[in-house]
Amino acid sequence: MTSETEKREGVTFTLDGAWEGFRRCLPVAAGVGGYGLVFGVVARQSGLSVAEAALMSATVFAGAAQLIAVELWADPVPIAAVLTTTAVVNTRYVLMGAALRPWFARLRPGHAYGSVFFLIDETWALTMGELSEGSGRGAFMLGSGIAVWLFWVAATVVGASAGAAIGDPSRYGLDFVLPAIFVAIAVGLWEGKSTLLPWGVAFLVAVVAADALPGRWYILAGGIAGSLVEVIRVGR
């Protein structure tokens, strides 16, 4: 039987590994593309051009963070609020990266750090499953990430182009797209009664902060309050 240490020591970074990741992730990438269409529409309605929306998707490559950013978008752009809020949303990637370290530590720094640009929930899950099985395909995340990135950027362009032709989104009920997306995300994150307390606190703090604070800082206030409650609860 191959030990966990032997599995990790056998990690290589090859073109075959990247291709396997690309091929295996195509169905997932197509699903992410549907999400990219929605982001493109919302970004266009928030005032971004097609080129700006595409550039954001190509360089940021983080769906939830991008949707929050365009929700916060205003003139002038509240840079501090956007950066802080998206940083909080993306803190989970720190834990995901740590989980990959036993394998990626065997790779050259350029290979490892180049691959983690494509670290999202879907590619992380697929890569962890692949590496845990002992395949040794260190380039699997790179390949799977490229597949998702291509669909994500292309879908953003299509969605943003369509958003320019839609005009007033409220005519078609599309102004509710973003709230609907976050409701759907919340359903997937629901873990039962233990989730109720931090979510309830986040909701109440956000409602109060919406009247007390300018701009969209209530989003950050609610998120931090809910997170603190969960940290305290788990730490008991």
C-alpha atoms as a PDB file:
ATOM      1  CA  MET A   1       0.000   0.000   0.000  1.00  0.00           C
ATOM      2  CA  THR A   2       1.278   3.450  -0.939  1.00  0.00           C
ATOM      3  CA  SER A   3       1.668   5.777   2.041  1.00  0.00           C
ATOM      4  CA  GLU A   4       0.482   9.383   2.083  1.00  0.00           C
ATOM      5  CA  THR A   5       4.111  10.544   2.156  1.00  0.00           C
ATOM      6  CA  GLU A   6       4.953   8.503  -0.946  1.00  0.00           C
ATOM      7  CA  LYS A   7       1.916   9.918  -2.748  1.00  0.00           C
ATOM      8  CA  ARG A   8       3.079  13.451  -2.041  1.00  0.00           C
ATOM      9  CA  GLU A   9       6.710  12.793  -2.977  1.00  0.00           C
ATOM     10  CA  GLY A  10       5.622  11.474  -6.370  1.00  0.00           C
ATOM     11  CA  VAL A  11       4.073  14.762  -7.504  1.00  0.00           C
ATOM     12  CA  THR A  12       5.202  15.933 -10.948  1.00  0.00           C
ATOM     13  CA  PHE A  13       4.303  18.887 -13.160  1.00  0.00           C
ATOM     14  CA  THR A  14       3.697  17.735 -16.736  1.00  0.00           C
ATOM     15  CA  LEU A  15       1.724  18.685 -19.826  1.00  0.00           C
ATOM     16  CA  ASP A  16      -0.207  15.425 -19.544  1.00  0.00           C
ATOM     17  CA  GLY A  17      -1.290  16.370 -16.020  1.00  0.00           C
ATOM     18  CA  ALA A  18      -2.467  19.782 -17.165  1.00  0.00           C
ATOM     19  CA  TRP A  19      -4.384  18.271 -20.079  1.00  0.00           C
ATOM     20  CA  GLU A  20      -6.084  15.777 -17.762  1.00  0.00           C
ATOM     21  CA  GLY A  21      -7.162  18.632 -15.510  1.00  0.00           C
ATOM     22  CA  PHE A  22      -8.442  20.622 -18.489  1.00  0.00           C
ATOM     23  CA  ARG A  23     -10.386  17.677 -19.898  1.00  0.00           C
ATOM     24  CA  ARG A  24     -11.895  16.597 -16.600  1.00  0.00           C
ATOM     25  CA  CYS A  25     -12.988  20.127 -15.693  1.00  0.00           C
ATOM     26  CA  LEU A  26     -14.811  20.985 -18.925  1.00  0.00           C
ATOM     27  CA  PRO A  27     -18.305  20.088 -17.605  1.00  0.00           C
ATOM     28  CA  VAL A  28     -17.667  22.153 -14.472  1.00  0.00           C
ATOM     29  CA  ALA A  29     -16.295  25.001 -16.566  1.00  0.00           C
ATOM     30  CA  ALA A  30     -19.463  25.071 -18.649  1.00  0.00           C
ATOM     31  CA  GLY A  31     -21.518  25.465 -15.457  1.00  0.00           C
ATOM     32  CA  VAL A  32     -19.271  28.274 -14.237  1.00  0.00           C
ATOM     33  CA  GLY A  33     -19.785  29.915 -17.624  1.00  0.00           C
ATOM     34  CA  GLY A  34     -23.489  30.268 -16.834  1.00  0.00           C
ATOM     35  CA  TYR A  35     -22.519  32.169 -13.703  1.00  0.00           C
ATOM     36  CA  GLY A  36     -20.188  34.313 -15.834  1.00  0.00           C
ATOM     37  CA  LEU A  37     -23.105  35.314 -18.057  1.00  0.00           C
ATOM     38  CA  VAL A  38     -24.938  36.674 -15.050  1.00  0.00           C
ATOM     39  CA  PHE A  39     -21.854  38.531 -13.840  1.00  0.00           C
ATOM     40  CA  GLY A  40     -21.419  40.126 -17.266  1.00  0.00           C
ATOM     41  CA  VAL A  41     -25.016  41.366 -17.271  1.00  0.00           C
ATOM     42  CA  VAL A  42     -24.779  42.729 -13.718  1.00  0.00           C
ATOM     43  CA  ALA A  43     -21.409  44.372 -14.410  1.00  0.00           C
ATOM     44  CA  ARG A  44     -22.774  46.141 -17.474  1.00  0.00           C
ATOM     45  CA  GLN A  45     -25.803  47.353 -15.545  1.00  0.00           C
ATOM     46  CA  SER A  46     -23.476  48.692 -12.846  1.00  0.00           C
ATOM     47  CA  GLY A  47     -21.741  50.935 -15.364  1.00  0.00           C
ATOM     48  CA  LEU A  48     -18.740  48.858 -16.483  1.00  0.00           C
ATOM     49  CA  SER A  49     -17.950  48.583 -20.182  1.00  0.00           C
ATOM     50  CA  VAL A  50     -17.648  45.202 -21.872  1.00  0.00           C
ATOM     51  CA  ALA A  51     -13.850  45.564 -21.871  1.00  0.00           C
ATOM     52  CA  GLU A  52     -13.767  46.510 -18.174  1.00  0.00           C
ATOM     53  CA  ALA A  53     -15.963  43.568 -17.196  1.00  0.00           C
ATOM     54  CA  ALA A  54     -13.809  41.188 -19.244  1.00  0.00           C
ATOM     55  CA  LEU A  55     -10.619  42.597 -17.729  1.00  0.00           C
ATOM     56  CA  MET A  56     -12.000  42.129 -14.216  1.00  0.00           C
ATOM     57  CA  SER A  57     -12.904  38.517 -14.922  1.00  0.00           C
ATOM     58  CA  ALA A  58      -9.523  37.817 -16.523  1.00  0.00           C
ATOM     59  CA  THR A  59      -7.446  39.292 -13.681  1.00  0.00           C
ATOM     60  CA  VAL A  60      -9.568  38.781 -10.555  1.00  0.00           C
ATOM     61  CA  PHE A  61     -11.140  35.423 -11.443  1.00  0.00           C
ATOM     62  CA  ALA A  62     -13.326  35.206  -8.342  1.00  0.00           C
ATOM     63  CA  GLY A  63     -17.074  35.123  -8.924  1.00  0.00           C
ATOM     64  CA  ALA A  64     -18.431  36.053  -5.496  1.00  0.00           C
ATOM     65  CA  ALA A  65     -15.833  38.782  -4.988  1.00  0.00           C
ATOM     66  CA  GLN A  66     -16.542  40.264  -8.422  1.00  0.00           C
ATOM     67  CA  LEU A  67     -20.291  40.335  -7.843  1.00  0.00           C
ATOM     68  CA  ILE A  68     -19.788  42.078  -4.513  1.00  0.00           C
ATOM     69  CA  ALA A  69     -17.422  44.563  -6.150  1.00  0.00           C
ATOM     70  CA  VAL A  70     -19.927  45.558  -8.843  1.00  0.00           C
ATOM     71  CA  GLU A  71     -22.671  45.782  -6.221  1.00  0.00           C
ATOM     72  CA  LEU A  72     -20.503  48.287  -4.354  1.00  0.00           C
ATOM     73  CA  TRP A  73     -19.605  50.131  -7.584  1.00  0.00           C
ATOM     74  CA  ALA A  74     -20.347  53.838  -7.534  1.00  0.00           C
ATOM     75  CA  ASP A  75     -18.915  57.134  -8.768  1.00  0.00           C
ATOM     76  CA  PRO A  76     -16.374  57.628  -7.308  1.00  0.00           C
ATOM     77  CA  VAL A  77     -15.513  53.982  -6.654  1.00  0.00           C
ATOM     78  CA  PRO A  78     -15.321  53.265  -2.880  1.00  0.00           C
ATOM     79  CA  ILE A  79     -11.905  51.640  -3.172  1.00  0.00           C
ATOM     80  CA  ALA A  80     -11.469  50.914   0.555  1.00  0.00           C
ATOM     81  CA  ALA A  81     -14.885  49.261   0.818  1.00  0.00           C
ATOM     82  CA  VAL A  82     -14.364  47.157  -2.318  1.00  0.00           C
ATOM     83  CA  LEU A  83     -10.886  45.976  -1.303  1.00  0.00           C
ATOM     84  CA  THR A  84     -11.799  45.230   2.295  1.00  0.00           C
ATOM     85  CA  THR A  85     -15.052  43.434   1.517  1.00  0.00           C
ATOM     86  CA  THR A  86     -13.579  41.258  -1.230  1.00  0.00           C
ATOM     87  CA  ALA A  87     -10.603  40.420   1.002  1.00  0.00           C
ATOM     88  CA  VAL A  88     -12.952  39.165   3.705  1.00  0.00           C
ATOM     89  CA  VAL A  89     -14.939  37.118   1.194  1.00  0.00           C
ATOM     90  CA  ASN A  90     -11.776  35.521  -0.182  1.00  0.00           C
ATOM     91  CA  THR A  91     -10.125  34.575   3.115  1.00  0.00           C
ATOM     92  CA  ARG A  92     -11.260  30.974   2.560  1.00  0.00           C
ATOM     93  CA  TYR A  93      -8.587  30.672  -0.115  1.00  0.00           C
ATOM     94  CA  VAL A  94      -5.939  30.862   2.597  1.00  0.00           C
ATOM     95  CA  LEU A  95      -7.231  27.592   4.059  1.00  0.00           C
ATOM     96  CA  MET A  96      -7.590  26.023   0.609  1.00  0.00           C
ATOM     97  CA  GLY A  97      -4.008  26.913  -0.247  1.00  0.00           C
ATOM     98  CA  ALA A  98      -2.785  25.468   3.034  1.00  0.00           C
ATOM     99  CA  ALA A  99      -4.554  22.194   2.234  1.00  0.00           C
ATOM    100  CA  LEU A 100      -2.659  21.986  -1.087  1.00  0.00           C
ATOM    101  CA  ARG A 101       0.745  22.702   0.440  1.00  0.00           C
ATOM    102  CA  PRO A 102       1.757  19.068   1.142  1.00  0.00           C
ATOM    103  CA  TRP A 103       1.714  18.442  -2.615  1.00  0.00           C
ATOM    104  CA  PHE A 104       2.581  21.847  -4.031  1.00  0.00           C
ATOM    105  CA  ALA A 105       5.624  22.127  -1.769  1.00  0.00           C
ATOM    106  CA  ARG A 106       7.166  19.451  -4.018  1.00  0.00           C
ATOM    107  CA  LEU A 107       6.832  21.667  -7.101  1.00  0.00           C
ATOM    108  CA  ARG A 108       8.992  24.514  -8.336  1.00  0.00           C
ATOM    109  CA  PRO A 109       7.805  27.872  -6.947  1.00  0.00           C
ATOM    110  CA  GLY A 110       6.851  29.099 -10.421  1.00  0.00           C
ATOM    111  CA  HIS A 111       4.703  26.042 -11.051  1.00  0.00           C
ATOM    112  CA  ALA A 112       3.053  26.142  -7.634  1.00  0.00           C
ATOM    113  CA  TYR A 113       2.335  29.868  -7.473  1.00  0.00           C
ATOM    114  CA  GLY A 114       1.346  30.015 -11.131  1.00  0.00           C
ATOM    115  CA  SER A 115      -1.209  27.285 -10.491  1.00  0.00           C
ATOM    116  CA  VAL A 116      -2.812  28.868  -7.438  1.00  0.00           C
ATOM    117  CA  PHE A 117      -3.904  31.857  -9.523  1.00  0.00           C
ATOM    118  CA  PHE A 118      -6.580  29.419 -10.740  1.00  0.00           C
ATOM    119  CA  LEU A 119      -7.567  28.435  -7.195  1.00  0.00           C
ATOM    120  CA  ILE A 120     -11.357  28.618  -6.903  1.00  0.00           C
ATOM    121  CA  ASP A 121     -13.824  26.386  -5.104  1.00  0.00           C
ATOM    122  CA  GLU A 122     -14.361  24.075  -8.078  1.00  0.00           C
ATOM    123  CA  THR A 123     -10.724  23.613  -9.137  1.00  0.00           C
ATOM    124  CA  TRP A 124      -9.654  23.152  -5.514  1.00  0.00           C
ATOM    125  CA  ALA A 125     -12.179  20.376  -4.937  1.00  0.00           C
ATOM    126  CA  LEU A 126     -11.205  18.547  -8.123  1.00  0.00           C
ATOM    127  CA  THR A 127      -7.479  18.935  -7.490  1.00  0.00           C
ATOM    128  CA  MET A 128      -7.678  17.783  -3.882  1.00  0.00           C
ATOM    129  CA  GLY A 129      -9.551  14.681  -4.991  1.00  0.00           C
ATOM    130  CA  GLU A 130      -7.010  13.990  -7.728  1.00  0.00           C
ATOM    131  CA  LEU A 131      -3.936  14.452  -5.541  1.00  0.00           C
ATOM    132  CA  SER A 132      -5.416  12.588  -2.577  1.00  0.00           C
ATOM    133  CA  GLU A 133      -5.867   9.557  -4.806  1.00  0.00           C
ATOM    134  CA  GLY A 134      -2.121   9.573  -5.483  1.00  0.00           C
ATOM    135  CA  SER A 135      -2.121  10.443  -9.201  1.00  0.00           C
ATOM    136  CA  GLY A 136       0.822  12.808  -8.728  1.00  0.00           C
ATOM    137  CA  ARG A 137      -0.545  15.238 -11.334  1.00  0.00           C
ATOM    138  CA  GLY A 138       0.771  18.499  -9.931  1.00  0.00           C
ATOM    139  CA  ALA A 139      -0.356  20.410 -13.035  1.00  0.00           C
ATOM    140  CA  PHE A 140      -3.962  19.257 -12.639  1.00  0.00           C
ATOM    141  CA  MET A 141      -5.044  22.550 -11.070  1.00  0.00           C
ATOM    142  CA  LEU A 142      -3.389  24.557 -13.825  1.00  0.00           C
ATOM    143  CA  GLY A 143      -5.255  22.628 -16.505  1.00  0.00           C
ATOM    144  CA  SER A 144      -8.597  22.679 -14.744  1.00  0.00           C
ATOM    145  CA  GLY A 145      -8.174  26.353 -13.948  1.00  0.00           C
ATOM    146  CA  ILE A 146      -7.453  27.275 -17.557  1.00  0.00           C
ATOM    147  CA  ALA A 147     -10.644  25.497 -18.622  1.00  0.00           C
ATOM    148  CA  VAL A 148     -12.746  27.432 -16.117  1.00  0.00           C
ATOM    149  CA  TRP A 149     -10.948  30.720 -16.843  1.00  0.00           C
ATOM    150  CA  LEU A 150     -11.669  30.486 -20.572  1.00  0.00           C
ATOM    151  CA  PHE A 151     -15.374  29.826 -20.023  1.00  0.00           C
ATOM    152  CA  TRP A 152     -15.576  32.501 -17.311  1.00  0.00           C
ATOM    153  CA  VAL A 153     -14.031  35.279 -19.392  1.00  0.00           C
ATOM    154  CA  ALA A 154     -15.909  34.337 -22.577  1.00  0.00           C
ATOM    155  CA  ALA A 155     -19.230  34.176 -20.727  1.00  0.00           C
ATOM    156  CA  THR A 156     -18.536  37.553 -19.103  1.00  0.00           C
ATOM    157  CA  VAL A 157     -18.078  39.133 -22.534  1.00  0.00           C
ATOM    158  CA  VAL A 158     -21.320  37.599 -23.806  1.00  0.00           C
ATOM    159  CA  GLY A 159     -23.229  38.650 -20.685  1.00  0.00           C
ATOM    160  CA  ALA A 160     -21.828  42.174 -20.709  1.00  0.00           C
ATOM    161  CA  SER A 161     -22.650  42.558 -24.402  1.00  0.00           C
ATOM    162  CA  ALA A 162     -26.216  41.413 -23.773  1.00  0.00           C
ATOM    163  CA  GLY A 163     -26.461  43.697 -20.759  1.00  0.00           C
ATOM    164  CA  ALA A 164     -25.742  46.711 -22.969  1.00  0.00           C
ATOM    165  CA  ALA A 165     -28.800  45.904 -25.082  1.00  0.00           C
ATOM    166  CA  ILE A 166     -31.156  45.200 -22.189  1.00  0.00           C
ATOM    167  CA  GLY A 167     -31.384  48.806 -20.997  1.00  0.00           C
ATOM    168  CA  ASP A 168     -33.362  49.284 -17.791  1.00  0.00           C
ATOM    169  CA  PRO A 169     -33.019  45.924 -15.975  1.00  0.00           C
ATOM    170  CA  SER A 170     -36.134  46.499 -13.862  1.00  0.00           C
ATOM    171  CA  ARG A 171     -38.272  46.147 -16.995  1.00  0.00           C
ATOM    172  CA  TYR A 172     -37.409  42.457 -17.060  1.00  0.00           C
ATOM    173  CA  GLY A 173     -36.930  41.892 -13.343  1.00  0.00           C
ATOM    174  CA  LEU A 174     -33.164  41.592 -13.852  1.00  0.00           C
ATOM    175  CA  ASP A 175     -32.484  44.089 -11.085  1.00  0.00           C
ATOM    176  CA  PHE A 176     -33.216  41.146  -8.774  1.00  0.00           C
ATOM    177  CA  VAL A 177     -30.462  38.985 -10.318  1.00  0.00           C
ATOM    178  CA  LEU A 178     -27.815  39.774  -7.721  1.00  0.00           C
ATOM    179  CA  PRO A 179     -30.040  39.237  -4.647  1.00  0.00           C
ATOM    180  CA  ALA A 180     -31.268  35.983  -6.197  1.00  0.00           C
ATOM    181  CA  ILE A 181     -27.694  34.770  -6.731  1.00  0.00           C
ATOM    182  CA  PHE A 182     -26.722  35.423  -3.135  1.00  0.00           C
ATOM    183  CA  VAL A 183     -29.866  33.728  -1.857  1.00  0.00           C
ATOM    184  CA  ALA A 184     -28.925  30.679  -3.926  1.00  0.00           C
ATOM    185  CA  ILE A 185     -25.368  30.771  -2.567  1.00  0.00           C
ATOM    186  CA  ALA A 186     -26.704  31.085   0.977  1.00  0.00           C
ATOM    187  CA  VAL A 187     -28.889  27.987   0.532  1.00  0.00           C
ATOM    188  CA  GLY A 188     -25.821  26.005  -0.457  1.00  0.00           C
ATOM    189  CA  LEU A 189     -23.925  27.234   2.602  1.00  0.00           C
ATOM    190  CA  TRP A 190     -26.714  26.453   5.089  1.00  0.00           C
ATOM    191  CA  GLU A 191     -25.488  23.897   7.642  1.00  0.00           C
ATOM    192  CA  GLY A 192     -28.541  23.646   9.860  1.00  0.00           C
ATOM    193  CA  LYS A 193     -29.469  25.323  13.127  1.00  0.00           C
ATOM    194  CA  SER A 194     -25.832  26.100  13.967  1.00  0.00           C
ATOM    195  CA  THR A 195     -25.829  28.553  11.047  1.00  0.00           C
ATOM    196  CA  LEU A 196     -28.840  30.478  12.279  1.00  0.00           C
ATOM    197  CA  LEU A 197     -27.099  32.565  14.979  1.00  0.00           C
ATOM    198  CA  PRO A 198     -24.245  34.056  12.896  1.00  0.00           C
ATOM    199  CA  TRP A 199     -26.567  34.627   9.952  1.00  0.00           C
ATOM    200  CA  GLY A 200     -29.139  36.319  12.167  1.00  0.00           C
ATOM    201  CA  VAL A 201     -26.518  38.588  13.732  1.00  0.00           C
ATOM    202  CA  ALA A 202     -25.092  39.454  10.306  1.00  0.00           C
ATOM    203  CA  PHE A 203     -28.568  40.336   9.051  1.00  0.00           C
ATOM    204  CA  LEU A 204     -29.453  42.548  12.021  1.00  0.00           C
ATOM    205  CA  VAL A 205     -26.110  44.377  12.012  1.00  0.00           C
ATOM    206  CA  ALA A 206     -26.377  44.976   8.260  1.00  0.00           C
ATOM    207  CA  VAL A 207     -29.898  46.401   8.603  1.00  0.00           C
ATOM    208  CA  VAL A 208     -28.856  48.760  11.404  1.00  0.00           C
ATOM    209  CA  ALA A 209     -25.635  49.766   9.620  1.00  0.00           C
ATOM    210  CA  ALA A 210     -27.528  50.518   6.413  1.00  0.00           C
ATOM    211  CA  ASP A 211     -29.131  53.494   8.176  1.00  0.00           C
ATOM    212  CA  ALA A 212     -26.104  54.493  10.225  1.00  0.00           C
ATOM    213  CA  LEU A 213     -23.254  54.216   7.683  1.00  0.00           C
ATOM    214  CA  PRO A 214     -22.784  55.820   4.256  1.00  0.00           C
ATOM    215  CA  GLY A 215     -22.517  53.865   1.022  1.00  0.00           C
ATOM    216  CA  ARG A 216     -22.378  50.054   1.127  1.00  0.00           C
ATOM    217  CA  TRP A 217     -20.354  49.631   4.328  1.00  0.00           C
ATOM    218  CA  TYR A 218     -23.307  47.768   5.846  1.00  0.00           C
ATOM    219  CA  ILE A 219     -22.298  44.715   3.782  1.00  0.00           C
ATOM    220  CA  LEU A 220     -18.882  44.595   5.419  1.00  0.00           C
ATOM    221  CA  ALA A 221     -20.306  45.362   8.880  1.00  0.00           C
ATOM    222  CA  GLY A 222     -22.787  42.501   8.675  1.00  0.00           C
ATOM    223  CA  GLY A 223     -20.177  40.085   7.349  1.00  0.00           C
ATOM    224  CA  ILE A 224     -17.654  40.861  10.079  1.00  0.00           C
ATOM    225  CA  ALA A 225     -20.289  40.659  12.830  1.00  0.00           C
ATOM    226  CA  GLY A 226     -21.518  37.267  11.641  1.00  0.00           C
ATOM    227  CA  SER A 227     -17.966  35.956  11.302  1.00  0.00           C
ATOM    228  CA  LEU A 228     -17.039  37.046  14.836  1.00  0.00           C
ATOM    229  CA  VAL A 229     -20.099  35.310  16.278  1.00  0.00           C
ATOM    230  CA  GLU A 230     -19.154  32.077  14.482  1.00  0.00           C
ATOM    231  CA  VAL A 231     -15.518  32.293  15.680  1.00  0.00           C
ATOM    232  CA  ILE A 232     -16.693  32.760  19.273  1.00  0.00           C
ATOM    233  CA  ARG A 233     -19.187  29.899  18.976  1.00  0.00           C
ATOM    234  CA  VAL A 234     -16.688  27.431  17.546  1.00  0.00           C
ATOM    235  CA  GLY A 235     -13.980  28.473  20.003  1.00  0.00           C
ATOM    236  CA  ARG A 236     -16.010  27.584  23.066  1.00  0.00           C
END
